[in-house]
Amino acid sequence: MEGQAQADLARDIFGNPFRPVDFASAWRTDTVLGIARELYASGDFTALPVLGDALQDAGCDDEAVLTHCRGAGPHARGCWVVDGLLGKA
């Protein structure tokens, strides 16, 4: 069980290294960045599905990004989607 939890957390932080995502500048709307900054600052990722909706509204159709945002997690500071949007990756 511990090994699985660690693997899940690693996927949250690193994503799929064999399929890197190019975070389009068009996705970085004020709404998307505001949500991402709040998630990062608070460490509370329960609103990650809201970020997924905002990304989709901004034109994101990347299935890996949207699925990750809407997935059960675990999610933590260092999340590859949030860090990618904020330029921390």
PDB file of N, CA and C in Angstrom:
ATOM      1  N   MET A   1       0.813  -1.193   0.000  1.00  0.00           N
ATOM      2  CA  MET A   1       0.000   0.000   0.000  1.00  0.00           C
ATOM      3  C   MET A   1       0.860   1.263   0.000  1.00  0.00           C
ATOM      4  N   GLU A   2       1.900   1.284   0.799  1.00  0.00           N
ATOM      5  CA  GLU A   2       2.761   2.460   0.880  1.00  0.00           C
ATOM      6  C   GLU A   2       3.424   2.751  -0.460  1.00  0.00           C
ATOM      7  N   GLY A   3       3.859   1.695  -1.138  1.00  0.00           N
ATOM      8  CA  GLY A   3       4.494   1.866  -2.444  1.00  0.00           C
ATOM      9  C   GLY A   3       3.536   2.466  -3.455  1.00  0.00           C
ATOM     10  N   GLN A   4       2.285   2.043  -3.422  1.00  0.00           N
ATOM     11  CA  GLN A   4       1.281   2.587  -4.340  1.00  0.00           C
ATOM     12  C   GLN A   4       1.018   4.058  -4.045  1.00  0.00           C
ATOM     13  N   ALA A   5       0.935   4.410  -2.776  1.00  0.00           N
ATOM     14  CA  ALA A   5       0.704   5.806  -2.396  1.00  0.00           C
ATOM     15  C   ALA A   5       1.862   6.685  -2.859  1.00  0.00           C
ATOM     16  N   GLN A   6       3.078   6.183  -2.737  1.00  0.00           N
ATOM     17  CA  GLN A   6       4.236   6.949  -3.193  1.00  0.00           C
ATOM     18  C   GLN A   6       4.234   7.095  -4.712  1.00  0.00           C
ATOM     19  N   ALA A   7       3.848   6.047  -5.418  1.00  0.00           N
ATOM     20  CA  ALA A   7       3.779   6.110  -6.884  1.00  0.00           C
ATOM     21  C   ALA A   7       2.712   7.110  -7.334  1.00  0.00           C
ATOM     22  N   ASP A   8       1.569   7.115  -6.662  1.00  0.00           N
ATOM     23  CA  ASP A   8       0.497   8.065  -6.994  1.00  0.00           C
ATOM     24  C   ASP A   8       0.953   9.506  -6.774  1.00  0.00           C
ATOM     25  N   LEU A   9       1.649   9.735  -5.685  1.00  0.00           N
ATOM     26  CA  LEU A   9       2.153  11.078  -5.397  1.00  0.00           C
ATOM     27  C   LEU A   9       3.210  11.504  -6.422  1.00  0.00           C
ATOM     28  N   ALA A  10       4.064  10.573  -6.819  1.00  0.00           N
ATOM     29  CA  ALA A  10       5.070  10.881  -7.842  1.00  0.00           C
ATOM     30  C   ALA A  10       4.399  11.262  -9.160  1.00  0.00           C
ATOM     31  N   ARG A  11       3.309  10.567  -9.529  1.00  0.00           N
ATOM     32  CA  ARG A  11       2.580  10.915 -10.755  1.00  0.00           C
ATOM     33  C   ARG A  11       1.956  12.295 -10.646  1.00  0.00           C
ATOM     34  N   ASP A  12       1.520  12.681  -9.452  1.00  0.00           N
ATOM     35  CA  ASP A  12       0.946  14.011  -9.263  1.00  0.00           C
ATOM     36  C   ASP A  12       2.011  15.088  -9.450  1.00  0.00           C
ATOM     37  N   ILE A  13       3.195  14.828  -9.004  1.00  0.00           N
ATOM     38  CA  ILE A  13       4.257  15.827  -9.061  1.00  0.00           C
ATOM     39  C   ILE A  13       4.942  15.862 -10.433  1.00  0.00           C
ATOM     40  N   PHE A  14       5.174  14.704 -11.024  1.00  0.00           N
ATOM     41  CA  PHE A  14       5.961  14.648 -12.256  1.00  0.00           C
ATOM     42  C   PHE A  14       5.146  14.438 -13.519  1.00  0.00           C
ATOM     43  N   GLY A  15       3.914  13.983 -13.399  1.00  0.00           N
ATOM     44  CA  GLY A  15       3.138  13.688 -14.595  1.00  0.00           C
ATOM     45  C   GLY A  15       3.764  12.534 -15.350  1.00  0.00           C
ATOM     46  N   ASN A  16       3.558  12.512 -16.659  1.00  0.00           N
ATOM     47  CA  ASN A  16       4.142  11.468 -17.495  1.00  0.00           C
ATOM     48  C   ASN A  16       5.373  12.042 -18.196  1.00  0.00           C
ATOM     49  N   PRO A  17       6.562  11.641 -17.778  1.00  0.00           N
ATOM     50  CA  PRO A  17       7.775  12.214 -18.375  1.00  0.00           C
ATOM     51  C   PRO A  17       7.946  11.858 -19.852  1.00  0.00           C
ATOM     52  N   PHE A  18       7.202  10.868 -20.334  1.00  0.00           N
ATOM     53  CA  PHE A  18       7.302  10.458 -21.731  1.00  0.00           C
ATOM     54  C   PHE A  18       6.326  11.224 -22.629  1.00  0.00           C
ATOM     55  N   ARG A  19       5.433  11.986 -22.016  1.00  0.00           N
ATOM     56  CA  ARG A  19       4.476  12.801 -22.760  1.00  0.00           C
ATOM     57  C   ARG A  19       4.374  14.184 -22.122  1.00  0.00           C
ATOM     58  N   PRO A  20       5.413  14.973 -22.253  1.00  0.00           N
ATOM     59  CA  PRO A  20       5.381  16.309 -21.652  1.00  0.00           C
ATOM     60  C   PRO A  20       4.304  17.171 -22.297  1.00  0.00           C
ATOM     61  N   VAL A  21       3.763  18.069 -21.511  1.00  0.00           N
ATOM     62  CA  VAL A  21       2.701  18.958 -21.966  1.00  0.00           C
ATOM     63  C   VAL A  21       3.272  20.348 -22.195  1.00  0.00           C
ATOM     64  N   ASP A  22       2.917  20.928 -23.310  1.00  0.00           N
ATOM     65  CA  ASP A  22       3.273  22.311 -23.591  1.00  0.00           C
ATOM     66  C   ASP A  22       2.091  23.163 -23.140  1.00  0.00           C
ATOM     67  N   PHE A  23       2.264  23.910 -22.073  1.00  0.00           N
ATOM     68  CA  PHE A  23       1.181  24.727 -21.532  1.00  0.00           C
ATOM     69  C   PHE A  23       1.036  25.982 -22.392  1.00  0.00           C
ATOM     70  N   ALA A  24       0.027  25.982 -23.243  1.00  0.00           N
ATOM     71  CA  ALA A  24      -0.193  27.084 -24.179  1.00  0.00           C
ATOM     72  C   ALA A  24      -0.450  28.386 -23.424  1.00  0.00           C
ATOM     73  N   SER A  25       0.101  29.448 -23.951  1.00  0.00           N
ATOM     74  CA  SER A  25      -0.102  30.754 -23.302  1.00  0.00           C
ATOM     75  C   SER A  25      -1.578  31.138 -23.276  1.00  0.00           C
ATOM     76  N   ALA A  26      -2.355  30.676 -24.241  1.00  0.00           N
ATOM     77  CA  ALA A  26      -3.790  30.985 -24.274  1.00  0.00           C
ATOM     78  C   ALA A  26      -4.530  30.385 -23.080  1.00  0.00           C
ATOM     79  N   TRP A  27      -3.990  29.332 -22.511  1.00  0.00           N
ATOM     80  CA  TRP A  27      -4.628  28.709 -21.343  1.00  0.00           C
ATOM     81  C   TRP A  27      -4.424  29.538 -20.081  1.00  0.00           C
ATOM     82  N   ARG A  28      -3.453  30.394 -20.085  1.00  0.00           N
ATOM     83  CA  ARG A  28      -3.091  31.159 -18.882  1.00  0.00           C
ATOM     84  C   ARG A  28      -3.931  32.433 -18.766  1.00  0.00           C
ATOM     85  N   THR A  29      -5.224  32.240 -18.673  1.00  0.00           N
ATOM     86  CA  THR A  29      -6.116  33.387 -18.491  1.00  0.00           C
ATOM     87  C   THR A  29      -6.005  33.876 -17.050  1.00  0.00           C
ATOM     88  N   ASP A  30      -6.564  35.050 -16.797  1.00  0.00           N
ATOM     89  CA  ASP A  30      -6.560  35.572 -15.423  1.00  0.00           C
ATOM     90  C   ASP A  30      -7.258  34.604 -14.474  1.00  0.00           C
ATOM     91  N   THR A  31      -8.353  34.005 -14.938  1.00  0.00           N
ATOM     92  CA  THR A  31      -9.098  33.060 -14.096  1.00  0.00           C
ATOM     93  C   THR A  31      -8.258  31.839 -13.783  1.00  0.00           C
ATOM     94  N   VAL A  32      -7.660  31.238 -14.816  1.00  0.00           N
ATOM     95  CA  VAL A  32      -6.841  30.042 -14.634  1.00  0.00           C
ATOM     96  C   VAL A  32      -5.679  30.329 -13.688  1.00  0.00           C
ATOM     97  N   LEU A  33      -4.970  31.421 -13.929  1.00  0.00           N
ATOM     98  CA  LEU A  33      -3.820  31.736 -13.087  1.00  0.00           C
ATOM     99  C   LEU A  33      -4.231  32.074 -11.660  1.00  0.00           C
ATOM    100  N   GLY A  34      -5.364  32.735 -11.494  1.00  0.00           N
ATOM    101  CA  GLY A  34      -5.846  33.041 -10.152  1.00  0.00           C
ATOM    102  C   GLY A  34      -6.147  31.778  -9.360  1.00  0.00           C
ATOM    103  N   ILE A  35      -6.815  30.823 -10.013  1.00  0.00           N
ATOM    104  CA  ILE A  35      -7.126  29.554  -9.343  1.00  0.00           C
ATOM    105  C   ILE A  35      -5.833  28.807  -9.027  1.00  0.00           C
ATOM    106  N   ALA A  36      -4.925  28.741  -9.997  1.00  0.00           N
ATOM    107  CA  ALA A  36      -3.658  28.020  -9.795  1.00  0.00           C
ATOM    108  C   ALA A  36      -2.858  28.636  -8.648  1.00  0.00           C
ATOM    109  N   ARG A  37      -2.803  29.951  -8.610  1.00  0.00           N
ATOM    110  CA  ARG A  37      -2.061  30.617  -7.518  1.00  0.00           C
ATOM    111  C   ARG A  37      -2.682  30.318  -6.160  1.00  0.00           C
ATOM    112  N   GLU A  38      -4.003  30.323  -6.094  1.00  0.00           N
ATOM    113  CA  GLU A  38      -4.689  30.036  -4.833  1.00  0.00           C
ATOM    114  C   GLU A  38      -4.424  28.597  -4.392  1.00  0.00           C
ATOM    115  N   LEU A  39      -4.495  27.659  -5.324  1.00  0.00           N
ATOM    116  CA  LEU A  39      -4.208  26.263  -4.989  1.00  0.00           C
ATOM    117  C   LEU A  39      -2.794  26.126  -4.447  1.00  0.00           C
ATOM    118  N   TYR A  40      -1.844  26.759  -5.132  1.00  0.00           N
ATOM    119  CA  TYR A  40      -0.442  26.661  -4.725  1.00  0.00           C
ATOM    120  C   TYR A  40      -0.223  27.291  -3.355  1.00  0.00           C
ATOM    121  N   ALA A  41      -0.791  28.472  -3.155  1.00  0.00           N
ATOM    122  CA  ALA A  41      -0.573  29.196  -1.895  1.00  0.00           C
ATOM    123  C   ALA A  41      -1.215  28.486  -0.709  1.00  0.00           C
ATOM    124  N   SER A  42      -2.409  27.965  -0.914  1.00  0.00           N
ATOM    125  CA  SER A  42      -3.142  27.364   0.202  1.00  0.00           C
ATOM    126  C   SER A  42      -2.730  25.925   0.469  1.00  0.00           C
ATOM    127  N   GLY A  43      -2.255  25.233  -0.571  1.00  0.00           N
ATOM    128  CA  GLY A  43      -1.959  23.817  -0.418  1.00  0.00           C
ATOM    129  C   GLY A  43      -3.203  22.956  -0.381  1.00  0.00           C
ATOM    130  N   ASP A  44      -4.362  23.567  -0.596  1.00  0.00           N
ATOM    131  CA  ASP A  44      -5.641  22.858  -0.606  1.00  0.00           C
ATOM    132  C   ASP A  44      -6.042  22.660  -2.062  1.00  0.00           C
ATOM    133  N   PHE A  45      -5.970  21.431  -2.528  1.00  0.00           N
ATOM    134  CA  PHE A  45      -6.200  21.129  -3.930  1.00  0.00           C
ATOM    135  C   PHE A  45      -7.600  20.598  -4.208  1.00  0.00           C
ATOM    136  N   THR A  46      -8.529  20.818  -3.294  1.00  0.00           N
ATOM    137  CA  THR A  46      -9.900  20.344  -3.514  1.00  0.00           C
ATOM    138  C   THR A  46     -10.573  21.072  -4.667  1.00  0.00           C
ATOM    139  N   ALA A  47     -10.089  22.249  -5.032  1.00  0.00           N
ATOM    140  CA  ALA A  47     -10.666  23.000  -6.149  1.00  0.00           C
ATOM    141  C   ALA A  47      -9.977  22.696  -7.479  1.00  0.00           C
ATOM    142  N   LEU A  48      -9.160  21.660  -7.533  1.00  0.00           N
ATOM    143  CA  LEU A  48      -8.479  21.332  -8.775  1.00  0.00           C
ATOM    144  C   LEU A  48      -9.462  21.048  -9.920  1.00  0.00           C
ATOM    145  N   PRO A  49     -10.612  20.413  -9.670  1.00  0.00           N
ATOM    146  CA  PRO A  49     -11.577  20.250 -10.763  1.00  0.00           C
ATOM    147  C   PRO A  49     -12.082  21.590 -11.318  1.00  0.00           C
ATOM    148  N   VAL A  50     -12.168  22.601 -10.484  1.00  0.00           N
ATOM    149  CA  VAL A  50     -12.553  23.938 -10.950  1.00  0.00           C
ATOM    150  C   VAL A  50     -11.482  24.477 -11.891  1.00  0.00           C
ATOM    151  N   LEU A  51     -10.223  24.221 -11.576  1.00  0.00           N
ATOM    152  CA  LEU A  51      -9.131  24.612 -12.460  1.00  0.00           C
ATOM    153  C   LEU A  51      -9.274  23.898 -13.803  1.00  0.00           C
ATOM    154  N   GLY A  52      -9.634  22.636 -13.774  1.00  0.00           N
ATOM    155  CA  GLY A  52      -9.857  21.888 -15.010  1.00  0.00           C
ATOM    156  C   GLY A  52     -10.946  22.521 -15.854  1.00  0.00           C
ATOM    157  N   ASP A  53     -12.036  22.929 -15.220  1.00  0.00           N
ATOM    158  CA  ASP A  53     -13.123  23.596 -15.954  1.00  0.00           C
ATOM    159  C   ASP A  53     -12.653  24.916 -16.549  1.00  0.00           C
ATOM    160  N   ALA A  54     -11.885  25.689 -15.770  1.00  0.00           N
ATOM    161  CA  ALA A  54     -11.380  26.975 -16.258  1.00  0.00           C
ATOM    162  C   ALA A  54     -10.407  26.768 -17.417  1.00  0.00           C
ATOM    163  N   LEU A  55      -9.593  25.730 -17.338  1.00  0.00           N
ATOM    164  CA  LEU A  55      -8.681  25.424 -18.430  1.00  0.00           C
ATOM    165  C   LEU A  55      -9.450  25.059 -19.699  1.00  0.00           C
ATOM    166  N   GLN A  56     -10.474  24.249 -19.536  1.00  0.00           N
ATOM    167  CA  GLN A  56     -11.285  23.875 -20.694  1.00  0.00           C
ATOM    168  C   GLN A  56     -11.958  25.113 -21.296  1.00  0.00           C
ATOM    169  N   ASP A  57     -12.470  25.987 -20.450  1.00  0.00           N
ATOM    170  CA  ASP A  57     -13.064  27.243 -20.933  1.00  0.00           C
ATOM    171  C   ASP A  57     -12.041  28.094 -21.682  1.00  0.00           C
ATOM    172  N   ALA A  58     -10.766  27.984 -21.300  1.00  0.00           N
ATOM    173  CA  ALA A  58      -9.695  28.753 -21.935  1.00  0.00           C
ATOM    174  C   ALA A  58      -9.192  28.096 -23.222  1.00  0.00           C
ATOM    175  N   GLY A  59      -9.765  26.954 -23.564  1.00  0.00           N
ATOM    176  CA  GLY A  59      -9.393  26.289 -24.806  1.00  0.00           C
ATOM    177  C   GLY A  59      -8.501  25.080 -24.662  1.00  0.00           C
ATOM    178  N   CYS A  60      -8.194  24.698 -23.435  1.00  0.00           N
ATOM    179  CA  CYS A  60      -7.367  23.509 -23.217  1.00  0.00           C
ATOM    180  C   CYS A  60      -8.168  22.262 -23.607  1.00  0.00           C
ATOM    181  N   ASP A  61      -7.579  21.458 -24.488  1.00  0.00           N
ATOM    182  CA  ASP A  61      -8.210  20.190 -24.845  1.00  0.00           C
ATOM    183  C   ASP A  61      -7.253  19.018 -24.608  1.00  0.00           C
ATOM    184  N   ASP A  62      -6.208  19.277 -23.830  1.00  0.00           N
ATOM    185  CA  ASP A  62      -5.233  18.244 -23.513  1.00  0.00           C
ATOM    186  C   ASP A  62      -5.842  17.286 -22.495  1.00  0.00           C
ATOM    187  N   GLU A  63      -6.069  16.065 -22.929  1.00  0.00           N
ATOM    188  CA  GLU A  63      -6.755  15.078 -22.093  1.00  0.00           C
ATOM    189  C   GLU A  63      -5.989  14.767 -20.810  1.00  0.00           C
ATOM    190  N   ALA A  64      -4.657  14.738 -20.876  1.00  0.00           N
ATOM    191  CA  ALA A  64      -3.858  14.450 -19.673  1.00  0.00           C
ATOM    192  C   ALA A  64      -4.050  15.540 -18.626  1.00  0.00           C
ATOM    193  N   VAL A  65      -4.059  16.788 -19.048  1.00  0.00           N
ATOM    194  CA  VAL A  65      -4.235  17.912 -18.125  1.00  0.00           C
ATOM    195  C   VAL A  65      -5.625  17.877 -17.511  1.00  0.00           C
ATOM    196  N   LEU A  66      -6.642  17.752 -18.364  1.00  0.00           N
ATOM    197  CA  LEU A  66      -8.017  17.791 -17.864  1.00  0.00           C
ATOM    198  C   LEU A  66      -8.331  16.592 -16.977  1.00  0.00           C
ATOM    199  N   THR A  67      -7.856  15.419 -17.364  1.00  0.00           N
ATOM    200  CA  THR A  67      -8.080  14.217 -16.553  1.00  0.00           C
ATOM    201  C   THR A  67      -7.390  14.337 -15.208  1.00  0.00           C
ATOM    202  N   HIS A  68      -6.175  14.869 -15.212  1.00  0.00           N
ATOM    203  CA  HIS A  68      -5.448  15.031 -13.948  1.00  0.00           C
ATOM    204  C   HIS A  68      -6.207  15.980 -13.013  1.00  0.00           C
ATOM    205  N   CYS A  69      -6.662  17.099 -13.556  1.00  0.00           N
ATOM    206  CA  CYS A  69      -7.377  18.076 -12.725  1.00  0.00           C
ATOM    207  C   CYS A  69      -8.649  17.496 -12.131  1.00  0.00           C
ATOM    208  N   ARG A  70      -9.283  16.624 -12.864  1.00  0.00           N
ATOM    209  CA  ARG A  70     -10.574  16.083 -12.423  1.00  0.00           C
ATOM    210  C   ARG A  70     -10.448  14.744 -11.717  1.00  0.00           C
ATOM    211  N   GLY A  71      -9.219  14.250 -11.600  1.00  0.00           N
ATOM    212  CA  GLY A  71      -8.991  12.957 -10.966  1.00  0.00           C
ATOM    213  C   GLY A  71      -8.990  13.047  -9.447  1.00  0.00           C
ATOM    214  N   ALA A  72      -9.085  11.890  -8.846  1.00  0.00           N
ATOM    215  CA  ALA A  72      -9.196  11.794  -7.388  1.00  0.00           C
ATOM    216  C   ALA A  72      -7.902  12.142  -6.660  1.00  0.00           C
ATOM    217  N   GLY A  73      -6.792  12.073  -7.349  1.00  0.00           N
ATOM    218  CA  GLY A  73      -5.537  12.430  -6.693  1.00  0.00           C
ATOM    219  C   GLY A  73      -4.782  11.220  -6.224  1.00  0.00           C
ATOM    220  N   PRO A  74      -3.862  11.398  -5.328  1.00  0.00           N
ATOM    221  CA  PRO A  74      -3.673  12.545  -4.451  1.00  0.00           C
ATOM    222  C   PRO A  74      -3.128  13.752  -5.212  1.00  0.00           C
ATOM    223  N   HIS A  75      -3.371  14.911  -4.674  1.00  0.00           N
ATOM    224  CA  HIS A  75      -2.843  16.149  -5.221  1.00  0.00           C
ATOM    225  C   HIS A  75      -2.120  16.893  -4.103  1.00  0.00           C
ATOM    226  N   ALA A  76      -1.003  17.504  -4.455  1.00  0.00           N
ATOM    227  CA  ALA A  76      -0.180  18.177  -3.445  1.00  0.00           C
ATOM    228  C   ALA A  76       0.569  19.329  -4.093  1.00  0.00           C
ATOM    229  N   ARG A  77       1.136  20.195  -3.267  1.00  0.00           N
ATOM    230  CA  ARG A  77       1.994  21.257  -3.800  1.00  0.00           C
ATOM    231  C   ARG A  77       3.101  20.581  -4.590  1.00  0.00           C
ATOM    232  N   GLY A  78       3.345  21.108  -5.770  1.00  0.00           N
ATOM    233  CA  GLY A  78       4.272  20.474  -6.691  1.00  0.00           C
ATOM    234  C   GLY A  78       3.537  19.778  -7.824  1.00  0.00           C
ATOM    235  N   CYS A  79       2.197  19.794  -7.782  1.00  0.00           N
ATOM    236  CA  CYS A  79       1.364  19.208  -8.839  1.00  0.00           C
ATOM    237  C   CYS A  79       1.853  19.719 -10.193  1.00  0.00           C
ATOM    238  N   TRP A  80       2.093  18.806 -11.128  1.00  0.00           N
ATOM    239  CA  TRP A  80       2.697  19.171 -12.410  1.00  0.00           C
ATOM    240  C   TRP A  80       1.838  20.143 -13.211  1.00  0.00           C
ATOM    241  N   VAL A  81       0.525  20.064 -13.078  1.00  0.00           N
ATOM    242  CA  VAL A  81      -0.337  20.987 -13.827  1.00  0.00           C
ATOM    243  C   VAL A  81      -0.231  22.395 -13.251  1.00  0.00           C
ATOM    244  N   VAL A  82      -0.386  22.524 -11.951  1.00  0.00           N
ATOM    245  CA  VAL A  82      -0.314  23.842 -11.309  1.00  0.00           C
ATOM    246  C   VAL A  82       1.064  24.450 -11.519  1.00  0.00           C
ATOM    247  N   ASP A  83       2.110  23.667 -11.296  1.00  0.00           N
ATOM    248  CA  ASP A  83       3.470  24.182 -11.492  1.00  0.00           C
ATOM    249  C   ASP A  83       3.721  24.564 -12.947  1.00  0.00           C
ATOM    250  N   GLY A  84       3.204  23.780 -13.880  1.00  0.00           N
ATOM    251  CA  GLY A  84       3.372  24.096 -15.289  1.00  0.00           C
ATOM    252  C   GLY A  84       2.699  25.386 -15.666  1.00  0.00           C
ATOM    253  N   LEU A  85       1.515  25.626 -15.139  1.00  0.00           N
ATOM    254  CA  LEU A  85       0.799  26.866 -15.426  1.00  0.00           C
ATOM    255  C   LEU A  85       1.509  28.079 -14.830  1.00  0.00           C
ATOM    256  N   LEU A  86       2.068  27.886 -13.642  1.00  0.00           N
ATOM    257  CA  LEU A  86       2.709  28.996 -12.945  1.00  0.00           C
ATOM    258  C   LEU A  86       4.188  29.167 -13.312  1.00  0.00           C
ATOM    259  N   GLY A  87       4.667  28.321 -14.216  1.00  0.00           N
ATOM    260  CA  GLY A  87       6.059  28.433 -14.640  1.00  0.00           C
ATOM    261  C   GLY A  87       7.048  27.958 -13.608  1.00  0.00           C
ATOM    262  N   LYS A  88       6.629  27.064 -12.726  1.00  0.00           N
ATOM    263  CA  LYS A  88       7.511  26.563 -11.660  1.00  0.00           C
ATOM    264  C   LYS A  88       8.143  25.234 -12.041  1.00  0.00           C
ATOM    265  N   ALA A  89       7.705  24.662 -13.136  1.00  0.00           N
ATOM    266  CA  ALA A  89       8.208  23.340 -13.529  1.00  0.00           C
ATOM    267  C   ALA A  89       9.464  23.444 -14.357  1.00  0.00           C
TER     268      ALA A  89
END
